[in-house]
Structures are given as structure tokens and as C-alpha cells.
């Protein structure tokens, strides 16, 4: 038998045996993985983790800016405006609730949510501009650098590195 046929036969046997091993039913003593996943997906726990990460990012920004005592009031207003909305303020969250609505009701709900997001965006923008005006030129430079990094997936969100995709890192140069 030629060497390449031996290798092909060996690879086929290995693939078949590993497929059979994976196809076996789990042992009776093995616990299902579903409860751990359900625990990880608990909305209250996810909200708590999101709130904690948000607070950590704000604390890191505050430390980086080295605010003076006179700037504390502006910081407090800025950080209060940056808080995410409470989960119960968002309306029907489950797909089942959304599916029960008629098409015109869904359109109205989506429009209402879009208007709320726009109002929160405007509030955050106004708070950011007011806070930015209280910063020294050096602090503004640091804030600008941080905000630019946030657009690339780092900065505000903890430095996940540059993300590639539509409009990011593609093409001949900066847009």
C-alpha cells in the first residue's frame, strides 16, 4: 500500500472513531449543563454585572482625569446622566409580550422606544458637553483620547482592542 493511502486510511479511521465517541450518550452521573447556563443568563444578574462594569469604567475615567474638588459637582451631574435606564422602564421585555401586540401596536412601541433612546442620547450629550466645559485643556485632551478609543471598542468599555468589520479598519485609510 502506498504511504499516502495509509495516511488517508488512518485519518478516516480516526475521524470515524472520534465521531462514534462523541455520539455516545452521557453517563447517568453527569449533570446537565443547562442550569449553569440558565444561571448565567439571569436578567437580574446580568443587570447587576452591567451596573458594576459601568461604575468601574466611570471610576477609571475619574481617576484618569484627576479632577479638582471644584469639578466634583460637574462630575456628579455627568455620571448621573450616564447611568443606564432601569430595566423595568423599558416596557415589555419578553418576546412573548412583544408577539402578542398587533403590528400597529408594535410600530408604536418601537417608535416610543426610539424616542426614549433619542431623549437619553440628547441628555447624555448635553451632560457631556457641560462636563467637558468644566475640564482643563489637559483634562479635555485626556477625555478626547478616551472618547476616541471608545469608538474603536476600547476606552469606555474596557479595552477590547480594535474590532474589524464594516467601516472599521477596511479600505485604504481613515474615513
C-alpha atoms as a PDB file:
ATOM      1  CA  UNK A   1       0.000   0.000   0.000  1.00  0.00           C
ATOM      2  CA  UNK A   2       1.335   3.455  -0.874  1.00  0.00           C
ATOM      3  CA  UNK A   3       2.184   5.825   2.020  1.00  0.00           C
ATOM      4  CA  UNK A   4      -0.431   8.449   1.125  1.00  0.00           C
ATOM      5  CA  UNK A   5      -3.162   5.768   1.093  1.00  0.00           C
ATOM      6  CA  UNK A   6      -2.042   4.569   4.530  1.00  0.00           C
ATOM      7  CA  UNK A   7      -2.276   8.130   5.843  1.00  0.00           C
ATOM      8  CA  UNK A   8      -5.704   8.598   4.286  1.00  0.00           C
ATOM      9  CA  UNK A   9      -6.944   5.310   5.759  1.00  0.00           C
ATOM     10  CA  UNK A  10      -5.559   6.214   9.193  1.00  0.00           C
ATOM     11  CA  UNK A  11      -7.182   9.667   9.081  1.00  0.00           C
ATOM     12  CA  UNK A  12     -10.522   8.127   8.075  1.00  0.00           C
ATOM     13  CA  UNK A  13     -10.355   5.600  10.929  1.00  0.00           C
ATOM     14  CA  UNK A  14      -9.512   8.333  13.442  1.00  0.00           C
ATOM     15  CA  UNK A  15     -12.382  10.512  12.236  1.00  0.00           C
ATOM     16  CA  UNK A  16     -14.839   7.613  12.405  1.00  0.00           C
ATOM     17  CA  UNK A  17     -13.754   6.570  15.898  1.00  0.00           C
ATOM     18  CA  UNK A  18     -13.939  10.123  17.248  1.00  0.00           C
ATOM     19  CA  UNK A  19     -17.416  10.518  15.732  1.00  0.00           C
ATOM     20  CA  UNK A  20     -18.536   7.339  17.495  1.00  0.00           C
ATOM     21  CA  UNK A  21     -17.059   8.536  20.787  1.00  0.00           C
ATOM     22  CA  UNK A  22     -18.907  11.844  20.536  1.00  0.00           C
ATOM     23  CA  UNK A  23     -22.178  10.153  19.620  1.00  0.00           C
ATOM     24  CA  UNK A  24     -22.310   8.128  22.847  1.00  0.00           C
ATOM     25  CA  UNK A  25     -24.896   9.181  25.421  1.00  0.00           C
ATOM     26  CA  UNK A  26     -23.519  10.933  28.528  1.00  0.00           C
ATOM     27  CA  UNK A  27     -23.122   8.861  31.677  1.00  0.00           C
ATOM     28  CA  UNK A  28     -26.058   8.844  34.109  1.00  0.00           C
ATOM     29  CA  UNK A  29     -23.984  10.615  36.783  1.00  0.00           C
ATOM     30  CA  UNK A  30     -23.163  13.596  34.580  1.00  0.00           C
ATOM     31  CA  UNK A  31     -25.116  16.717  35.489  1.00  0.00           C
ATOM     32  CA  UNK A  32     -26.690  18.613  32.596  1.00  0.00           C
ATOM     33  CA  UNK A  33     -25.068  21.923  31.701  1.00  0.00           C
ATOM     34  CA  UNK A  34     -28.395  23.752  31.353  1.00  0.00           C
ATOM     35  CA  UNK A  35     -28.720  25.065  34.953  1.00  0.00           C
ATOM     36  CA  UNK A  36     -25.324  26.795  34.780  1.00  0.00           C
ATOM     37  CA  UNK A  37     -26.300  28.436  31.532  1.00  0.00           C
ATOM     38  CA  UNK A  38     -29.675  29.479  32.922  1.00  0.00           C
ATOM     39  CA  UNK A  39     -27.927  30.989  35.930  1.00  0.00           C
ATOM     40  CA  UNK A  40     -25.525  32.868  33.694  1.00  0.00           C
ATOM     41  CA  UNK A  41     -28.407  34.292  31.666  1.00  0.00           C
ATOM     42  CA  UNK A  42     -30.403  35.544  34.666  1.00  0.00           C
ATOM     43  CA  UNK A  43     -31.521  39.088  33.689  1.00  0.00           C
ATOM     44  CA  UNK A  44     -31.177  40.461  37.224  1.00  0.00           C
ATOM     45  CA  UNK A  45     -27.625  39.152  37.495  1.00  0.00           C
ATOM     46  CA  UNK A  46     -26.755  40.490  34.037  1.00  0.00           C
ATOM     47  CA  UNK A  47     -28.147  43.911  35.015  1.00  0.00           C
ATOM     48  CA  UNK A  48     -26.093  43.860  38.219  1.00  0.00           C
ATOM     49  CA  UNK A  49     -22.905  42.967  36.335  1.00  0.00           C
ATOM     50  CA  UNK A  50     -23.571  45.679  33.751  1.00  0.00           C
ATOM     51  CA  UNK A  51     -24.084  48.243  36.528  1.00  0.00           C
ATOM     52  CA  UNK A  52     -20.843  47.160  38.231  1.00  0.00           C
ATOM     53  CA  UNK A  53     -18.844  47.391  34.979  1.00  0.00           C
ATOM     54  CA  UNK A  54     -20.373  50.798  34.259  1.00  0.00           C
ATOM     55  CA  UNK A  55     -19.331  52.054  37.715  1.00  0.00           C
ATOM     56  CA  UNK A  56     -15.806  50.671  37.229  1.00  0.00           C
ATOM     57  CA  UNK A  57     -15.457  52.457  33.885  1.00  0.00           C
ATOM     58  CA  UNK A  58     -16.641  55.749  35.385  1.00  0.00           C
ATOM     59  CA  UNK A  59     -14.245  55.339  38.330  1.00  0.00           C
ATOM     60  CA  UNK A  60     -11.376  54.672  35.919  1.00  0.00           C
ATOM     61  CA  UNK A  61     -12.274  57.762  33.869  1.00  0.00           C
ATOM     62  CA  UNK A  62     -12.495  59.901  37.004  1.00  0.00           C
ATOM     63  CA  UNK A  63      -9.076  58.707  38.177  1.00  0.00           C
ATOM     64  CA  UNK A  64      -7.575  59.333  34.743  1.00  0.00           C
ATOM     65  CA  UNK A  65      -8.937  62.897  34.636  1.00  0.00           C
ATOM     66  CA  UNK A  66      -7.579  63.785  38.116  1.00  0.00           C
ATOM     67  CA  UNK A  67     -10.486  66.105  38.915  1.00  0.00           C
ATOM     68  CA  UNK A  68     -10.147  69.020  41.304  1.00  0.00           C
ATOM     69  CA  UNK A  69     -12.619  69.469  44.190  1.00  0.00           C
ATOM     70  CA  UNK A  70     -14.240  72.337  42.241  1.00  0.00           C
ATOM     71  CA  UNK A  71     -15.047  69.919  39.388  1.00  0.00           C
ATOM     72  CA  UNK A  72     -16.797  67.337  41.607  1.00  0.00           C
ATOM     73  CA  UNK A  73     -20.258  68.862  41.115  1.00  0.00           C
ATOM     74  CA  UNK A  74     -19.925  68.744  37.328  1.00  0.00           C
ATOM     75  CA  UNK A  75     -18.648  65.156  37.593  1.00  0.00           C
ATOM     76  CA  UNK A  76     -21.631  64.110  39.720  1.00  0.00           C
ATOM     77  CA  UNK A  77     -24.070  65.564  37.174  1.00  0.00           C
ATOM     78  CA  UNK A  78     -22.189  63.907  34.308  1.00  0.00           C
ATOM     79  CA  UNK A  79     -22.006  60.485  35.976  1.00  0.00           C
ATOM     80  CA  UNK A  80     -25.710  60.636  36.946  1.00  0.00           C
ATOM     81  CA  UNK A  81     -26.653  61.369  33.327  1.00  0.00           C
ATOM     82  CA  UNK A  82     -24.529  58.439  32.122  1.00  0.00           C
ATOM     83  CA  UNK A  83     -26.435  55.865  34.214  1.00  0.00           C
ATOM     84  CA  UNK A  84     -28.325  53.302  32.130  1.00  0.00           C
ATOM     85  CA  UNK A  85     -32.117  53.277  32.479  1.00  0.00           C
ATOM     86  CA  UNK A  86     -33.745  50.852  34.882  1.00  0.00           C
ATOM     87  CA  UNK A  87     -34.735  47.590  33.174  1.00  0.00           C
ATOM     88  CA  UNK A  88     -38.411  47.908  34.116  1.00  0.00           C
ATOM     89  CA  UNK A  89     -38.563  51.344  32.449  1.00  0.00           C
ATOM     90  CA  UNK A  90     -38.039  49.767  29.039  1.00  0.00           C
ATOM     91  CA  UNK A  91     -41.522  48.272  28.700  1.00  0.00           C
ATOM     92  CA  UNK A  92     -42.419  44.715  27.654  1.00  0.00           C
ATOM     93  CA  UNK A  93     -39.118  42.883  27.507  1.00  0.00           C
ATOM     94  CA  UNK A  94     -40.098  39.364  26.563  1.00  0.00           C
ATOM     95  CA  UNK A  95     -40.599  38.222  23.019  1.00  0.00           C
ATOM     96  CA  UNK A  96     -43.922  36.706  24.047  1.00  0.00           C
ATOM     97  CA  UNK A  97     -45.228  40.099  25.214  1.00  0.00           C
ATOM     98  CA  UNK A  98     -44.000  41.713  22.021  1.00  0.00           C
ATOM     99  CA  UNK A  99     -45.510  38.946  19.867  1.00  0.00           C
ATOM    100  CA  UNK A 100     -48.945  39.476  21.428  1.00  0.00           C
ATOM    101  CA  UNK A 101     -49.067  43.027  20.112  1.00  0.00           C
ATOM    102  CA  UNK A 102     -50.665  43.826  16.784  1.00  0.00           C
ATOM    103  CA  UNK A 103     -48.474  45.280  14.040  1.00  0.00           C
ATOM    104  CA  UNK A 104     -49.629  48.890  14.634  1.00  0.00           C
ATOM    105  CA  UNK A 105     -49.026  48.443  18.394  1.00  0.00           C
ATOM    106  CA  UNK A 106     -45.538  47.078  17.721  1.00  0.00           C
ATOM    107  CA  UNK A 107     -44.761  50.018  15.445  1.00  0.00           C
ATOM    108  CA  UNK A 108     -45.986  52.449  18.120  1.00  0.00           C
ATOM    109  CA  UNK A 109     -43.916  50.681  20.789  1.00  0.00           C
ATOM    110  CA  UNK A 110     -40.786  50.699  18.617  1.00  0.00           C
ATOM    111  CA  UNK A 111     -41.298  54.403  17.852  1.00  0.00           C
ATOM    112  CA  UNK A 112     -41.770  55.138  21.564  1.00  0.00           C
ATOM    113  CA  UNK A 113     -38.573  53.252  22.425  1.00  0.00           C
ATOM    114  CA  UNK A 114     -36.665  55.060  19.671  1.00  0.00           C
ATOM    115  CA  UNK A 115     -37.898  58.415  21.001  1.00  0.00           C
ATOM    116  CA  UNK A 116     -36.821  57.421  24.531  1.00  0.00           C
ATOM    117  CA  UNK A 117     -33.373  56.386  23.274  1.00  0.00           C
ATOM    118  CA  UNK A 118     -33.045  59.676  21.412  1.00  0.00           C
ATOM    119  CA  UNK A 119     -34.041  61.653  24.526  1.00  0.00           C
ATOM    120  CA  UNK A 120     -31.473  59.721  26.631  1.00  0.00           C
ATOM    121  CA  UNK A 121     -28.825  60.312  23.955  1.00  0.00           C
ATOM    122  CA  UNK A 122     -29.562  64.051  23.963  1.00  0.00           C
ATOM    123  CA  UNK A 123     -29.475  64.150  27.772  1.00  0.00           C
ATOM    124  CA  UNK A 124     -26.127  62.349  27.811  1.00  0.00           C
ATOM    125  CA  UNK A 125     -24.755  64.603  25.087  1.00  0.00           C
ATOM    126  CA  UNK A 126     -25.816  67.762  26.928  1.00  0.00           C
ATOM    127  CA  UNK A 127     -24.349  66.444  30.198  1.00  0.00           C
ATOM    128  CA  UNK A 128     -21.096  65.522  28.452  1.00  0.00           C
ATOM    129  CA  UNK A 129     -20.796  68.985  26.879  1.00  0.00           C
ATOM    130  CA  UNK A 130     -21.467  70.693  30.228  1.00  0.00           C
ATOM    131  CA  UNK A 131     -18.900  68.491  31.991  1.00  0.00           C
ATOM    132  CA  UNK A 132     -16.361  68.933  29.192  1.00  0.00           C
ATOM    133  CA  UNK A 133     -16.624  72.725  29.556  1.00  0.00           C
ATOM    134  CA  UNK A 134     -15.519  72.387  33.204  1.00  0.00           C
ATOM    135  CA  UNK A 135     -12.335  70.485  32.333  1.00  0.00           C
ATOM    136  CA  UNK A 136      -8.895  71.999  31.926  1.00  0.00           C
ATOM    137  CA  UNK A 137      -7.295  71.788  28.450  1.00  0.00           C
ATOM    138  CA  UNK A 138      -5.124  68.865  29.602  1.00  0.00           C
ATOM    139  CA  UNK A 139      -8.157  67.032  31.005  1.00  0.00           C
ATOM    140  CA  UNK A 140     -10.059  67.729  27.784  1.00  0.00           C
ATOM    141  CA  UNK A 141      -7.201  66.173  25.826  1.00  0.00           C
ATOM    142  CA  UNK A 142      -7.350  63.066  28.035  1.00  0.00           C
ATOM    143  CA  UNK A 143     -11.157  62.926  27.753  1.00  0.00           C
ATOM    144  CA  UNK A 144     -10.952  63.284  23.951  1.00  0.00           C
ATOM    145  CA  UNK A 145      -8.395  60.492  23.747  1.00  0.00           C
ATOM    146  CA  UNK A 146     -10.587  58.243  25.867  1.00  0.00           C
ATOM    147  CA  UNK A 147     -13.696  59.029  23.791  1.00  0.00           C
ATOM    148  CA  UNK A 148     -11.848  58.301  20.533  1.00  0.00           C
ATOM    149  CA  UNK A 149     -10.707  54.932  21.880  1.00  0.00           C
ATOM    150  CA  UNK A 150     -14.303  54.189  22.933  1.00  0.00           C
ATOM    151  CA  UNK A 151     -15.374  54.336  19.295  1.00  0.00           C
ATOM    152  CA  UNK A 152     -12.879  51.574  18.490  1.00  0.00           C
ATOM    153  CA  UNK A 153     -14.174  49.231  21.182  1.00  0.00           C
ATOM    154  CA  UNK A 154     -11.791  50.202  23.952  1.00  0.00           C
ATOM    155  CA  UNK A 155     -11.942  53.324  26.115  1.00  0.00           C
ATOM    156  CA  UNK A 156     -15.345  53.413  27.789  1.00  0.00           C
ATOM    157  CA  UNK A 157     -15.751  49.656  27.516  1.00  0.00           C
ATOM    158  CA  UNK A 158     -12.505  48.456  29.000  1.00  0.00           C
ATOM    159  CA  UNK A 159     -10.085  47.937  26.104  1.00  0.00           C
ATOM    160  CA  UNK A 160     -11.305  45.034  23.997  1.00  0.00           C
ATOM    161  CA  UNK A 161      -8.987  46.021  21.186  1.00  0.00           C
ATOM    162  CA  UNK A 162      -9.828  47.137  17.695  1.00  0.00           C
ATOM    163  CA  UNK A 163     -12.793  45.368  16.162  1.00  0.00           C
ATOM    164  CA  UNK A 164     -12.798  44.714  12.449  1.00  0.00           C
ATOM    165  CA  UNK A 165     -15.915  44.934  10.371  1.00  0.00           C
ATOM    166  CA  UNK A 166     -17.843  47.277   8.127  1.00  0.00           C
ATOM    167  CA  UNK A 167     -16.199  50.685   8.215  1.00  0.00           C
ATOM    168  CA  UNK A 168     -13.515  49.735  10.730  1.00  0.00           C
ATOM    169  CA  UNK A 169     -10.031  49.050   9.510  1.00  0.00           C
ATOM    170  CA  UNK A 170     -11.151  48.375   5.979  1.00  0.00           C
ATOM    171  CA  UNK A 171     -10.162  50.233   2.854  1.00  0.00           C
ATOM    172  CA  UNK A 172      -7.217  52.462   2.004  1.00  0.00           C
ATOM    173  CA  UNK A 173      -7.187  54.707   5.082  1.00  0.00           C
ATOM    174  CA  UNK A 174      -9.143  56.753   7.612  1.00  0.00           C
ATOM    175  CA  UNK A 175     -12.552  57.957   6.593  1.00  0.00           C
END
